[in-house]
Amino acid sequence: MNKKSINDVYEKINEKIDLSKIEKDLVLSIIKESLLETKNDLENFSSKCEEYLKSKGIFKNKKMSKATLKFIDTFISAAENSHYKHEDGYEMLDMLSNKDYLIDNFSINVKDNLLNYIHADLLANKTFMDILKPLAQHNGKGVGKGEYLLGIILKDYKILDGDGDGNWGGKKNEVKSATTSTSSSLKPIKTRVDVIDKLNKKIFNDLEPFSEAHVDNFKDHENLKDLYSTYFKSLYKQWKDTPEMNKLVKDLVENIKNVNLCETILGNQVMKWYKEIEGFETIFIINNENYDFVIIEDFENIPNNILIFKPKMRRGGDSQAVPDGYVNIRFK
């Protein structure tokens, strides 16, 4: 705050109201006092935000990841800007600090919307509603959109900085962000190995599985089961000797003419493998645009009426740092 900014405010007020009959020094004094009160209030509010985040285990120190440090700045900046306009930021922090206002349960394996679970008083708080979108959109290295938002709105949710997405109800959670047009990837094995393009050429004459040309050329092949067995066991070596692999090959061969079903069959299996690789018990899939979500705990009954699985059966120029044969997932 300086003399120039005070005079600027004076001129803006003077454009709306004739201040000529009021002593200018008096007006400037009032403006200065008001700006100082605002400055002090925002500094105090910022401190309260830091205290709140610290109570959630989110605070700046040398061990915190860059994504977490970025989230702290995002939260405080968005909250300050909104509180400056609406003056209800303190009420928001009080509610977020009170477990009675936080979400303690969700429907499982069905599509729902976060706004159906957030407390009505929080939904009526303008600062909270303003920061909801920036928090839902926040991401960083190793952190998907929506992960830190859950740490704010869920009761007893613990963010595992640098070690997975979070822990809720004693269960390790994985969080994925997806919409109806954008997707997240599920990795099928631990380590990336670039083999899929070679396998396509060697086994299927460069006609990757689930493509129209592949179906036309191989749907009636007398050795299809052997070809599929060789292909998928080479692609997903980590699982080649498992009963799940044998069932996968059988199901894909039997349904080769139904591409959508085959993609779903493989997608369901890759999600189960992904669960084993990462060690989580629950996966949250969140639409960070409209707050739709699905939580999957029962991996034997994945809600295929809600989700679309699109396996990536050709690497090409794809530079994603995930193993070959990964599967993209999005909302229908």
C-alpha atoms as a PDB file:
ATOM      1  CA  MET A   1       0.000   0.000   0.000  1.00  0.00           C
ATOM      2  CA  ASN A   2       1.459   3.404  -0.977  1.00  0.00           C
ATOM      3  CA  LYS A   3       0.444   7.016  -1.588  1.00  0.00           C
ATOM      4  CA  LYS A   4      -0.155   6.373  -5.272  1.00  0.00           C
ATOM      5  CA  SER A   5      -2.568   3.481  -4.634  1.00  0.00           C
ATOM      6  CA  ILE A   6      -4.502   5.569  -2.088  1.00  0.00           C
ATOM      7  CA  ASN A   7      -4.792   8.432  -4.577  1.00  0.00           C
ATOM      8  CA  ASP A   8      -5.887   5.981  -7.256  1.00  0.00           C
ATOM      9  CA  VAL A   9      -8.713   4.803  -5.026  1.00  0.00           C
ATOM     10  CA  TYR A  10      -9.638   8.414  -4.321  1.00  0.00           C
ATOM     11  CA  GLU A  11      -9.880   9.221  -8.046  1.00  0.00           C
ATOM     12  CA  LYS A  12     -12.002   6.147  -8.703  1.00  0.00           C
ATOM     13  CA  ILE A  13     -14.404   7.138  -5.932  1.00  0.00           C
ATOM     14  CA  ASN A  14     -14.455  10.712  -7.207  1.00  0.00           C
ATOM     15  CA  GLU A  15     -15.584   9.449 -10.609  1.00  0.00           C
ATOM     16  CA  LYS A  16     -18.694   8.027  -8.992  1.00  0.00           C
ATOM     17  CA  ILE A  17     -19.295  10.539  -6.214  1.00  0.00           C
ATOM     18  CA  ASP A  18     -18.520  14.263  -6.048  1.00  0.00           C
ATOM     19  CA  LEU A  19     -15.942  14.544  -3.264  1.00  0.00           C
ATOM     20  CA  SER A  20     -15.146  18.218  -3.872  1.00  0.00           C
ATOM     21  CA  LYS A  21     -17.137  19.347  -0.842  1.00  0.00           C
ATOM     22  CA  ILE A  22     -15.294  16.962   1.467  1.00  0.00           C
ATOM     23  CA  GLU A  23     -11.795  17.649   2.686  1.00  0.00           C
ATOM     24  CA  LYS A  24      -9.505  15.488   0.568  1.00  0.00           C
ATOM     25  CA  ASP A  25      -7.101  14.660   3.400  1.00  0.00           C
ATOM     26  CA  LEU A  26     -10.037  13.302   5.413  1.00  0.00           C
ATOM     27  CA  VAL A  27     -11.142  11.081   2.530  1.00  0.00           C
ATOM     28  CA  LEU A  28      -7.601   9.852   1.966  1.00  0.00           C
ATOM     29  CA  SER A  29      -7.288   9.080   5.649  1.00  0.00           C
ATOM     30  CA  ILE A  30     -10.478   7.010   5.563  1.00  0.00           C
ATOM     31  CA  ILE A  31      -9.290   5.174   2.452  1.00  0.00           C
ATOM     32  CA  LYS A  32      -5.906   4.496   4.002  1.00  0.00           C
ATOM     33  CA  GLU A  33      -7.514   3.138   7.152  1.00  0.00           C
ATOM     34  CA  SER A  34      -9.836   0.922   5.119  1.00  0.00           C
ATOM     35  CA  LEU A  35      -7.017  -0.445   2.964  1.00  0.00           C
ATOM     36  CA  LEU A  36      -4.914  -1.092   6.043  1.00  0.00           C
ATOM     37  CA  GLU A  37      -7.778  -3.008   7.664  1.00  0.00           C
ATOM     38  CA  THR A  38      -8.195  -5.048   4.484  1.00  0.00           C
ATOM     39  CA  LYS A  39      -4.470  -5.756   4.318  1.00  0.00           C
ATOM     40  CA  ASN A  40      -4.352  -6.821   7.957  1.00  0.00           C
ATOM     41  CA  ASP A  41      -7.455  -8.971   7.517  1.00  0.00           C
ATOM     42  CA  LEU A  42      -6.017 -10.790   4.479  1.00  0.00           C
ATOM     43  CA  GLU A  43      -2.711 -11.371   6.276  1.00  0.00           C
ATOM     44  CA  ASN A  44      -4.597 -12.814   9.245  1.00  0.00           C
ATOM     45  CA  PHE A  45      -6.799 -14.888   6.950  1.00  0.00           C
ATOM     46  CA  SER A  46      -3.750 -16.230   5.139  1.00  0.00           C
ATOM     47  CA  SER A  47      -2.280 -17.302   8.498  1.00  0.00           C
ATOM     48  CA  LYS A  48      -5.553 -19.023   9.386  1.00  0.00           C
ATOM     49  CA  CYS A  49      -5.434 -20.873   6.061  1.00  0.00           C
ATOM     50  CA  GLU A  50      -1.909 -22.069   6.837  1.00  0.00           C
ATOM     51  CA  GLU A  51      -3.034 -23.205  10.306  1.00  0.00           C
ATOM     52  CA  TYR A  52      -5.949 -25.104   8.795  1.00  0.00           C
ATOM     53  CA  LEU A  53      -3.795 -26.841   6.177  1.00  0.00           C
ATOM     54  CA  LYS A  54      -1.216 -27.732   8.832  1.00  0.00           C
ATOM     55  CA  SER A  55      -3.984 -29.407  10.837  1.00  0.00           C
ATOM     56  CA  LYS A  56      -4.541 -31.603   7.751  1.00  0.00           C
ATOM     57  CA  GLY A  57      -0.862 -32.495   7.603  1.00  0.00           C
ATOM     58  CA  ILE A  58      -0.236 -30.086   4.720  1.00  0.00           C
ATOM     59  CA  PHE A  59       2.478 -27.563   5.483  1.00  0.00           C
ATOM     60  CA  LYS A  60       5.652 -26.239   3.915  1.00  0.00           C
ATOM     61  CA  ASN A  61       8.860 -28.019   4.749  1.00  0.00           C
ATOM     62  CA  LYS A  62      11.847 -29.398   2.862  1.00  0.00           C
ATOM     63  CA  LYS A  63      10.405 -32.913   2.746  1.00  0.00           C
ATOM     64  CA  MET A  64       7.127 -31.961   1.072  1.00  0.00           C
ATOM     65  CA  SER A  65       6.717 -32.664  -2.631  1.00  0.00           C
ATOM     66  CA  LYS A  66       6.507 -29.824  -5.133  1.00  0.00           C
ATOM     67  CA  ALA A  67       2.895 -30.807  -5.821  1.00  0.00           C
ATOM     68  CA  THR A  68       1.987 -30.329  -2.155  1.00  0.00           C
ATOM     69  CA  LEU A  69       3.798 -27.007  -1.932  1.00  0.00           C
ATOM     70  CA  LYS A  70       1.993 -25.874  -5.077  1.00  0.00           C
ATOM     71  CA  PHE A  71      -1.331 -26.961  -3.575  1.00  0.00           C
ATOM     72  CA  ILE A  72      -0.731 -24.827  -0.470  1.00  0.00           C
ATOM     73  CA  ASP A  73      -0.171 -21.769  -2.673  1.00  0.00           C
ATOM     74  CA  THR A  74      -3.232 -22.608  -4.790  1.00  0.00           C
ATOM     75  CA  PHE A  75      -5.477 -22.999  -1.744  1.00  0.00           C
ATOM     76  CA  ILE A  76      -4.350 -19.816   0.002  1.00  0.00           C
ATOM     77  CA  SER A  77      -4.354 -17.668  -3.142  1.00  0.00           C
ATOM     78  CA  ALA A  78      -7.829 -18.793  -4.244  1.00  0.00           C
ATOM     79  CA  ALA A  79      -9.218 -18.479  -0.716  1.00  0.00           C
ATOM     80  CA  GLU A  80      -7.749 -14.992  -0.216  1.00  0.00           C
ATOM     81  CA  ASN A  81      -9.162 -13.700  -3.498  1.00  0.00           C
ATOM     82  CA  SER A  82     -12.614 -15.033  -2.748  1.00  0.00           C
ATOM     83  CA  HIS A  83     -12.631 -13.955   0.901  1.00  0.00           C
ATOM     84  CA  TYR A  84     -11.689 -10.437  -0.251  1.00  0.00           C
ATOM     85  CA  LYS A  85     -14.866 -10.368  -2.346  1.00  0.00           C
ATOM     86  CA  HIS A  86     -17.301 -12.261  -0.123  1.00  0.00           C
ATOM     87  CA  GLU A  87     -15.896 -11.902   3.415  1.00  0.00           C
ATOM     88  CA  ASP A  88     -16.972 -15.414   4.415  1.00  0.00           C
ATOM     89  CA  GLY A  89     -13.604 -17.155   4.345  1.00  0.00           C
ATOM     90  CA  TYR A  90     -13.333 -17.506   8.107  1.00  0.00           C
ATOM     91  CA  GLU A  91     -16.698 -19.288   8.194  1.00  0.00           C
ATOM     92  CA  MET A  92     -15.430 -21.660   5.506  1.00  0.00           C
ATOM     93  CA  LEU A  93     -12.301 -22.513   7.507  1.00  0.00           C
ATOM     94  CA  ASP A  94     -14.384 -23.095  10.642  1.00  0.00           C
ATOM     95  CA  MET A  95     -16.592 -25.570   8.787  1.00  0.00           C
ATOM     96  CA  LEU A  96     -13.709 -27.363   7.079  1.00  0.00           C
ATOM     97  CA  SER A  97     -12.069 -27.733  10.507  1.00  0.00           C
ATOM     98  CA  ASN A  98     -15.233 -29.285  11.960  1.00  0.00           C
ATOM     99  CA  LYS A  99     -15.684 -32.982  11.142  1.00  0.00           C
ATOM    100  CA  ASP A 100     -19.461 -32.584  11.330  1.00  0.00           C
ATOM    101  CA  TYR A 101     -19.276 -30.695   8.015  1.00  0.00           C
ATOM    102  CA  LEU A 102     -17.102 -33.270   6.229  1.00  0.00           C
ATOM    103  CA  ILE A 103     -18.114 -36.295   4.168  1.00  0.00           C
ATOM    104  CA  ASP A 104     -17.890 -39.617   5.990  1.00  0.00           C
ATOM    105  CA  ASN A 105     -19.341 -42.063   3.447  1.00  0.00           C
ATOM    106  CA  PHE A 106     -20.072 -42.539  -0.238  1.00  0.00           C
ATOM    107  CA  SER A 107     -22.067 -44.881  -2.433  1.00  0.00           C
ATOM    108  CA  ILE A 108     -19.768 -47.587  -3.821  1.00  0.00           C
ATOM    109  CA  ASN A 109     -19.504 -48.837  -7.417  1.00  0.00           C
ATOM    110  CA  VAL A 110     -22.143 -46.387  -8.663  1.00  0.00           C
ATOM    111  CA  LYS A 111     -21.887 -43.005 -10.351  1.00  0.00           C
ATOM    112  CA  ASP A 112     -22.697 -40.038  -8.144  1.00  0.00           C
ATOM    113  CA  ASN A 113     -21.773 -36.381  -7.674  1.00  0.00           C
ATOM    114  CA  LEU A 114     -19.659 -34.814  -4.922  1.00  0.00           C
ATOM    115  CA  LEU A 115     -22.079 -31.919  -4.550  1.00  0.00           C
ATOM    116  CA  ASN A 116     -24.720 -34.380  -3.339  1.00  0.00           C
ATOM    117  CA  TYR A 117     -22.529 -35.134  -0.310  1.00  0.00           C
ATOM    118  CA  ILE A 118     -20.999 -31.768   0.597  1.00  0.00           C
ATOM    119  CA  HIS A 119     -22.717 -30.091   3.559  1.00  0.00           C
ATOM    120  CA  ALA A 120     -25.399 -27.553   2.586  1.00  0.00           C
ATOM    121  CA  ASP A 121     -23.733 -24.814   4.656  1.00  0.00           C
ATOM    122  CA  LEU A 122     -20.477 -25.280   2.751  1.00  0.00           C
ATOM    123  CA  LEU A 123     -22.335 -25.172  -0.555  1.00  0.00           C
ATOM    124  CA  ALA A 124     -23.854 -21.866   0.580  1.00  0.00           C
ATOM    125  CA  ASN A 125     -20.439 -20.444   1.400  1.00  0.00           C
ATOM    126  CA  LYS A 126     -19.236 -18.324  -1.529  1.00  0.00           C
ATOM    127  CA  THR A 127     -15.549 -18.632  -0.737  1.00  0.00           C
ATOM    128  CA  PHE A 128     -15.774 -22.413  -0.620  1.00  0.00           C
ATOM    129  CA  MET A 129     -17.643 -22.588  -3.915  1.00  0.00           C
ATOM    130  CA  ASP A 130     -15.064 -20.294  -5.515  1.00  0.00           C
ATOM    131  CA  ILE A 131     -12.100 -22.429  -4.441  1.00  0.00           C
ATOM    132  CA  LEU A 132     -13.755 -25.747  -5.294  1.00  0.00           C
ATOM    133  CA  LYS A 133     -12.822 -25.613  -8.973  1.00  0.00           C
ATOM    134  CA  PRO A 134      -9.137 -24.608  -8.474  1.00  0.00           C
ATOM    135  CA  LEU A 135      -8.748 -27.379  -5.900  1.00  0.00           C
ATOM    136  CA  ALA A 136     -10.383 -29.936  -8.198  1.00  0.00           C
ATOM    137  CA  GLN A 137      -8.110 -28.861 -11.063  1.00  0.00           C
ATOM    138  CA  HIS A 138      -4.891 -28.891  -9.032  1.00  0.00           C
ATOM    139  CA  ASN A 139      -2.290 -31.432 -10.059  1.00  0.00           C
ATOM    140  CA  GLY A 140       1.449 -31.916 -10.185  1.00  0.00           C
ATOM    141  CA  LYS A 141       4.097 -34.552 -10.719  1.00  0.00           C
ATOM    142  CA  GLY A 142       2.659 -37.803  -9.425  1.00  0.00           C
ATOM    143  CA  VAL A 143      -0.551 -36.079  -8.361  1.00  0.00           C
ATOM    144  CA  GLY A 144      -3.777 -36.310 -10.333  1.00  0.00           C
ATOM    145  CA  LYS A 145      -6.517 -33.719 -10.398  1.00  0.00           C
ATOM    146  CA  GLY A 146      -8.881 -34.071  -7.462  1.00  0.00           C
ATOM    147  CA  GLU A 147      -6.503 -35.853  -5.090  1.00  0.00           C
ATOM    148  CA  TYR A 148      -5.978 -32.944  -2.700  1.00  0.00           C
ATOM    149  CA  LEU A 149      -9.632 -31.906  -2.914  1.00  0.00           C
ATOM    150  CA  LEU A 150     -10.567 -35.181  -1.235  1.00  0.00           C
ATOM    151  CA  GLY A 151      -8.178 -34.328   1.575  1.00  0.00           C
ATOM    152  CA  ILE A 152     -10.189 -31.171   2.192  1.00  0.00           C
ATOM    153  CA  ILE A 153     -13.768 -32.447   2.028  1.00  0.00           C
ATOM    154  CA  LEU A 154     -13.511 -36.002   3.400  1.00  0.00           C
ATOM    155  CA  LYS A 155     -13.619 -36.770   7.107  1.00  0.00           C
ATOM    156  CA  ASP A 156     -10.391 -38.325   8.417  1.00  0.00           C
ATOM    157  CA  TYR A 157      -8.790 -38.449   4.964  1.00  0.00           C
ATOM    158  CA  LYS A 158      -5.003 -38.550   5.153  1.00  0.00           C
ATOM    159  CA  ILE A 159      -2.956 -37.340   2.199  1.00  0.00           C
ATOM    160  CA  LEU A 160       0.099 -39.548   1.731  1.00  0.00           C
ATOM    161  CA  ASP A 161       2.602 -37.059   0.382  1.00  0.00           C
ATOM    162  CA  GLY A 162       4.932 -38.793  -2.032  1.00  0.00           C
ATOM    163  CA  ASP A 163       3.546 -42.253  -1.208  1.00  0.00           C
ATOM    164  CA  GLY A 164       0.281 -42.836  -3.014  1.00  0.00           C
ATOM    165  CA  ASP A 165      -2.846 -40.752  -3.101  1.00  0.00           C
ATOM    166  CA  GLY A 166      -4.358 -41.026   0.335  1.00  0.00           C
ATOM    167  CA  ASN A 167      -5.752 -43.118   3.137  1.00  0.00           C
ATOM    168  CA  TRP A 168      -9.414 -43.025   4.081  1.00  0.00           C
ATOM    169  CA  GLY A 169     -11.077 -45.298   6.576  1.00  0.00           C
ATOM    170  CA  GLY A 170      -7.852 -47.232   6.975  1.00  0.00           C
ATOM    171  CA  LYS A 171      -7.751 -48.036   3.266  1.00  0.00           C
ATOM    172  CA  LYS A 172      -5.164 -46.856   0.773  1.00  0.00           C
ATOM    173  CA  ASN A 173      -6.829 -45.033  -2.093  1.00  0.00           C
ATOM    174  CA  GLU A 174      -5.883 -44.349  -5.689  1.00  0.00           C
ATOM    175  CA  VAL A 175      -7.353 -41.243  -7.317  1.00  0.00           C
ATOM    176  CA  LYS A 176      -7.834 -40.825 -11.051  1.00  0.00           C
ATOM    177  CA  SER A 177      -9.222 -37.848 -12.939  1.00  0.00           C
ATOM    178  CA  ALA A 178     -11.377 -38.351 -16.028  1.00  0.00           C
ATOM    179  CA  THR A 179     -14.250 -36.730 -17.884  1.00  0.00           C
ATOM    180  CA  THR A 180     -16.395 -37.900 -20.792  1.00  0.00           C
ATOM    181  CA  SER A 181     -13.721 -36.652 -23.188  1.00  0.00           C
ATOM    182  CA  THR A 182     -10.443 -36.896 -21.250  1.00  0.00           C
ATOM    183  CA  SER A 183      -9.000 -40.031 -19.687  1.00  0.00           C
ATOM    184  CA  SER A 184      -6.534 -41.399 -17.160  1.00  0.00           C
ATOM    185  CA  SER A 185      -4.217 -44.336 -17.716  1.00  0.00           C
ATOM    186  CA  LEU A 186      -4.075 -47.657 -15.890  1.00  0.00           C
ATOM    187  CA  LYS A 187      -0.734 -49.418 -16.086  1.00  0.00           C
ATOM    188  CA  PRO A 188      -0.812 -53.207 -16.483  1.00  0.00           C
ATOM    189  CA  ILE A 189       2.694 -54.093 -15.259  1.00  0.00           C
ATOM    190  CA  LYS A 190       5.311 -52.490 -13.021  1.00  0.00           C
ATOM    191  CA  THR A 191       8.013 -51.622 -15.532  1.00  0.00           C
ATOM    192  CA  ARG A 192       7.698 -50.127 -18.995  1.00  0.00           C
ATOM    193  CA  VAL A 193       8.888 -52.447 -21.767  1.00  0.00           C
ATOM    194  CA  ASP A 194       8.497 -51.360 -25.403  1.00  0.00           C
ATOM    195  CA  VAL A 195       7.358 -54.548 -27.118  1.00  0.00           C
ATOM    196  CA  ILE A 196       3.840 -53.984 -28.371  1.00  0.00           C
ATOM    197  CA  ASP A 197       4.668 -52.670 -31.859  1.00  0.00           C
ATOM    198  CA  LYS A 198       7.068 -55.582 -32.442  1.00  0.00           C
ATOM    199  CA  LEU A 199       4.430 -58.057 -31.284  1.00  0.00           C
ATOM    200  CA  ASN A 200       1.830 -56.521 -33.576  1.00  0.00           C
ATOM    201  CA  LYS A 201       4.116 -56.950 -36.568  1.00  0.00           C
ATOM    202  CA  LYS A 202       5.361 -60.408 -35.666  1.00  0.00           C
ATOM    203  CA  ILE A 203       2.053 -62.028 -34.665  1.00  0.00           C
ATOM    204  CA  PHE A 204      -0.691 -60.013 -36.374  1.00  0.00           C
ATOM    205  CA  ASN A 205       0.952 -58.572 -39.505  1.00  0.00           C
ATOM    206  CA  ASP A 206       0.869 -55.129 -37.855  1.00  0.00           C
ATOM    207  CA  LEU A 207      -2.897 -55.281 -37.298  1.00  0.00           C
ATOM    208  CA  GLU A 208      -3.259 -54.491 -33.600  1.00  0.00           C
ATOM    209  CA  PRO A 209      -6.004 -56.208 -31.544  1.00  0.00           C
ATOM    210  CA  PHE A 210      -9.424 -54.546 -31.414  1.00  0.00           C
ATOM    211  CA  SER A 211      -8.934 -52.713 -34.705  1.00  0.00           C
ATOM    212  CA  GLU A 212     -11.467 -53.339 -37.467  1.00  0.00           C
ATOM    213  CA  ALA A 213      -8.784 -54.765 -39.764  1.00  0.00           C
ATOM    214  CA  HIS A 214      -7.611 -57.113 -37.010  1.00  0.00           C
ATOM    215  CA  VAL A 215     -11.095 -58.483 -36.456  1.00  0.00           C
ATOM    216  CA  ASP A 216     -11.698 -58.966 -40.181  1.00  0.00           C
ATOM    217  CA  ASN A 217      -8.415 -60.823 -40.654  1.00  0.00           C
ATOM    218  CA  PHE A 218      -8.286 -62.969 -37.526  1.00  0.00           C
ATOM    219  CA  LYS A 219     -11.864 -63.615 -36.360  1.00  0.00           C
ATOM    220  CA  ASP A 220     -11.918 -67.045 -38.038  1.00  0.00           C
ATOM    221  CA  HIS A 221      -8.243 -67.920 -37.633  1.00  0.00           C
ATOM    222  CA  GLU A 222      -7.886 -71.575 -36.639  1.00  0.00           C
ATOM    223  CA  ASN A 223      -5.012 -70.840 -34.252  1.00  0.00           C
ATOM    224  CA  LEU A 224      -6.433 -67.652 -32.758  1.00  0.00           C
ATOM    225  CA  LYS A 225      -6.192 -68.911 -29.182  1.00  0.00           C
ATOM    226  CA  ASP A 226      -2.495 -69.728 -29.598  1.00  0.00           C
ATOM    227  CA  LEU A 227      -1.819 -66.373 -31.229  1.00  0.00           C
ATOM    228  CA  TYR A 228      -3.619 -64.492 -28.452  1.00  0.00           C
ATOM    229  CA  SER A 229      -1.886 -66.547 -25.784  1.00  0.00           C
ATOM    230  CA  THR A 230       1.549 -65.780 -27.210  1.00  0.00           C
ATOM    231  CA  TYR A 231       0.718 -62.112 -27.739  1.00  0.00           C
ATOM    232  CA  PHE A 232      -0.774 -61.254 -24.349  1.00  0.00           C
ATOM    233  CA  LYS A 233       1.646 -63.384 -22.332  1.00  0.00           C
ATOM    234  CA  SER A 234       4.528 -61.594 -24.067  1.00  0.00           C
ATOM    235  CA  LEU A 235       2.907 -58.188 -23.577  1.00  0.00           C
ATOM    236  CA  TYR A 236       2.002 -58.713 -19.919  1.00  0.00           C
ATOM    237  CA  LYS A 237       4.881 -60.973 -18.829  1.00  0.00           C
ATOM    238  CA  GLN A 238       4.346 -60.211 -15.166  1.00  0.00           C
ATOM    239  CA  TRP A 239       1.045 -62.110 -15.287  1.00  0.00           C
ATOM    240  CA  LYS A 240       1.795 -64.734 -17.965  1.00  0.00           C
ATOM    241  CA  ASP A 241       1.523 -67.761 -15.667  1.00  0.00           C
ATOM    242  CA  THR A 242      -1.632 -66.715 -13.804  1.00  0.00           C
ATOM    243  CA  PRO A 243      -5.182 -68.103 -14.073  1.00  0.00           C
ATOM    244  CA  GLU A 244      -6.299 -64.550 -14.844  1.00  0.00           C
ATOM    245  CA  MET A 245      -4.188 -64.545 -17.999  1.00  0.00           C
ATOM    246  CA  ASN A 246      -5.670 -67.818 -19.216  1.00  0.00           C
ATOM    247  CA  LYS A 247      -9.184 -66.527 -18.612  1.00  0.00           C
ATOM    248  CA  LEU A 248      -8.380 -63.244 -20.349  1.00  0.00           C
ATOM    249  CA  VAL A 249      -7.173 -65.026 -23.487  1.00  0.00           C
ATOM    250  CA  LYS A 250     -10.216 -67.318 -23.487  1.00  0.00           C
ATOM    251  CA  ASP A 251     -12.683 -64.428 -23.092  1.00  0.00           C
ATOM    252  CA  LEU A 252     -11.022 -62.309 -25.789  1.00  0.00           C
ATOM    253  CA  VAL A 253     -10.975 -65.172 -28.296  1.00  0.00           C
ATOM    254  CA  GLU A 254     -14.621 -65.974 -27.655  1.00  0.00           C
ATOM    255  CA  ASN A 255     -15.689 -62.357 -28.117  1.00  0.00           C
ATOM    256  CA  ILE A 256     -13.300 -61.167 -30.833  1.00  0.00           C
ATOM    257  CA  LYS A 257     -16.171 -59.923 -33.018  1.00  0.00           C
ATOM    258  CA  ASN A 258     -17.435 -57.622 -30.227  1.00  0.00           C
ATOM    259  CA  VAL A 259     -14.705 -54.984 -29.996  1.00  0.00           C
ATOM    260  CA  ASN A 260     -16.346 -52.921 -27.251  1.00  0.00           C
ATOM    261  CA  LEU A 261     -16.786 -55.982 -25.079  1.00  0.00           C
ATOM    262  CA  CYS A 262     -13.177 -57.074 -25.669  1.00  0.00           C
ATOM    263  CA  GLU A 263     -11.902 -53.621 -24.687  1.00  0.00           C
ATOM    264  CA  THR A 264     -13.999 -53.795 -21.531  1.00  0.00           C
ATOM    265  CA  ILE A 265     -12.781 -57.309 -20.697  1.00  0.00           C
ATOM    266  CA  LEU A 266      -9.148 -56.234 -21.013  1.00  0.00           C
ATOM    267  CA  GLY A 267      -9.814 -52.950 -19.208  1.00  0.00           C
ATOM    268  CA  ASN A 268     -11.378 -54.735 -16.242  1.00  0.00           C
ATOM    269  CA  GLN A 269      -8.415 -57.089 -15.959  1.00  0.00           C
ATOM    270  CA  VAL A 270      -5.840 -54.311 -16.264  1.00  0.00           C
ATOM    271  CA  MET A 271      -7.616 -52.391 -13.486  1.00  0.00           C
ATOM    272  CA  LYS A 272      -7.284 -55.442 -11.234  1.00  0.00           C
ATOM    273  CA  TRP A 273      -3.602 -55.780 -12.106  1.00  0.00           C
ATOM    274  CA  TYR A 274      -3.114 -52.063 -11.513  1.00  0.00           C
ATOM    275  CA  LYS A 275      -4.639 -52.503  -8.052  1.00  0.00           C
ATOM    276  CA  GLU A 276      -2.140 -55.261  -7.261  1.00  0.00           C
ATOM    277  CA  ILE A 277       0.811 -53.242  -8.576  1.00  0.00           C
ATOM    278  CA  GLU A 278      -0.007 -50.077  -6.625  1.00  0.00           C
ATOM    279  CA  GLY A 279      -1.351 -51.799  -3.527  1.00  0.00           C
ATOM    280  CA  PHE A 280      -4.503 -49.719  -3.128  1.00  0.00           C
ATOM    281  CA  GLU A 281      -7.865 -51.023  -1.921  1.00  0.00           C
ATOM    282  CA  THR A 282     -10.151 -48.357  -3.358  1.00  0.00           C
ATOM    283  CA  ILE A 283      -9.998 -46.258  -6.504  1.00  0.00           C
ATOM    284  CA  PHE A 284     -11.726 -42.880  -6.806  1.00  0.00           C
ATOM    285  CA  ILE A 285     -12.392 -41.753 -10.371  1.00  0.00           C
ATOM    286  CA  ILE A 286     -13.394 -38.077 -10.364  1.00  0.00           C
ATOM    287  CA  ASN A 287     -14.657 -35.789 -13.099  1.00  0.00           C
ATOM    288  CA  ASN A 288     -12.913 -32.535 -12.124  1.00  0.00           C
ATOM    289  CA  GLU A 289     -15.215 -30.509 -14.386  1.00  0.00           C
ATOM    290  CA  ASN A 290     -18.656 -31.392 -12.988  1.00  0.00           C
ATOM    291  CA  TYR A 291     -17.678 -33.373  -9.832  1.00  0.00           C
ATOM    292  CA  ASP A 292     -19.198 -36.684 -10.948  1.00  0.00           C
ATOM    293  CA  PHE A 293     -17.364 -39.613  -9.427  1.00  0.00           C
ATOM    294  CA  VAL A 294     -17.351 -43.360  -8.965  1.00  0.00           C
ATOM    295  CA  ILE A 295     -15.630 -45.234  -6.156  1.00  0.00           C
ATOM    296  CA  ILE A 296     -14.674 -48.831  -6.850  1.00  0.00           C
ATOM    297  CA  GLU A 297     -14.021 -51.247  -4.005  1.00  0.00           C
ATOM    298  CA  ASP A 298     -15.524 -54.391  -5.518  1.00  0.00           C
ATOM    299  CA  PHE A 299     -13.192 -55.135  -8.418  1.00  0.00           C
ATOM    300  CA  GLU A 300     -15.158 -58.215  -9.411  1.00  0.00           C
ATOM    301  CA  ASN A 301     -18.114 -55.999 -10.252  1.00  0.00           C
ATOM    302  CA  ILE A 302     -16.602 -52.964 -11.990  1.00  0.00           C
ATOM    303  CA  PRO A 303     -19.409 -50.652 -13.200  1.00  0.00           C
ATOM    304  CA  ASN A 304     -18.983 -50.960 -16.959  1.00  0.00           C
ATOM    305  CA  ASN A 305     -22.212 -49.046 -17.550  1.00  0.00           C
ATOM    306  CA  ILE A 306     -20.462 -45.952 -16.179  1.00  0.00           C
ATOM    307  CA  LEU A 307     -16.906 -46.250 -17.489  1.00  0.00           C
ATOM    308  CA  ILE A 308     -15.323 -46.673 -20.905  1.00  0.00           C
ATOM    309  CA  PHE A 309     -12.072 -48.619 -21.237  1.00  0.00           C
ATOM    310  CA  LYS A 310      -9.831 -47.974 -24.267  1.00  0.00           C
ATOM    311  CA  PRO A 311      -6.726 -50.178 -24.396  1.00  0.00           C
ATOM    312  CA  LYS A 312      -3.737 -48.675 -26.211  1.00  0.00           C
ATOM    313  CA  MET A 313      -2.611 -51.528 -28.432  1.00  0.00           C
ATOM    314  CA  ARG A 314      -0.037 -49.593 -30.453  1.00  0.00           C
ATOM    315  CA  ARG A 315       2.796 -47.443 -29.109  1.00  0.00           C
ATOM    316  CA  GLY A 316       3.753 -45.542 -32.249  1.00  0.00           C
ATOM    317  CA  GLY A 317       4.995 -42.100 -31.236  1.00  0.00           C
ATOM    318  CA  ASP A 318       3.281 -42.266 -27.860  1.00  0.00           C
ATOM    319  CA  SER A 319       5.731 -41.024 -25.216  1.00  0.00           C
ATOM    320  CA  GLN A 320       3.645 -41.691 -22.096  1.00  0.00           C
ATOM    321  CA  ALA A 321       5.782 -43.092 -19.302  1.00  0.00           C
ATOM    322  CA  VAL A 322       3.555 -46.135 -18.802  1.00  0.00           C
ATOM    323  CA  PRO A 323       4.102 -49.738 -19.901  1.00  0.00           C
ATOM    324  CA  ASP A 324       2.878 -50.998 -23.267  1.00  0.00           C
ATOM    325  CA  GLY A 325      -0.679 -52.285 -23.314  1.00  0.00           C
ATOM    326  CA  TYR A 326      -1.937 -49.675 -20.867  1.00  0.00           C
ATOM    327  CA  VAL A 327      -5.629 -48.823 -20.743  1.00  0.00           C
ATOM    328  CA  ASN A 328      -7.248 -45.399 -20.768  1.00  0.00           C
ATOM    329  CA  ILE A 329     -10.382 -44.930 -18.707  1.00  0.00           C
ATOM    330  CA  ARG A 330     -13.075 -42.232 -18.879  1.00  0.00           C
ATOM    331  CA  PHE A 331     -16.711 -41.623 -18.067  1.00  0.00           C
ATOM    332  CA  LYS A 332     -19.462 -42.484 -20.526  1.00  0.00           C
END
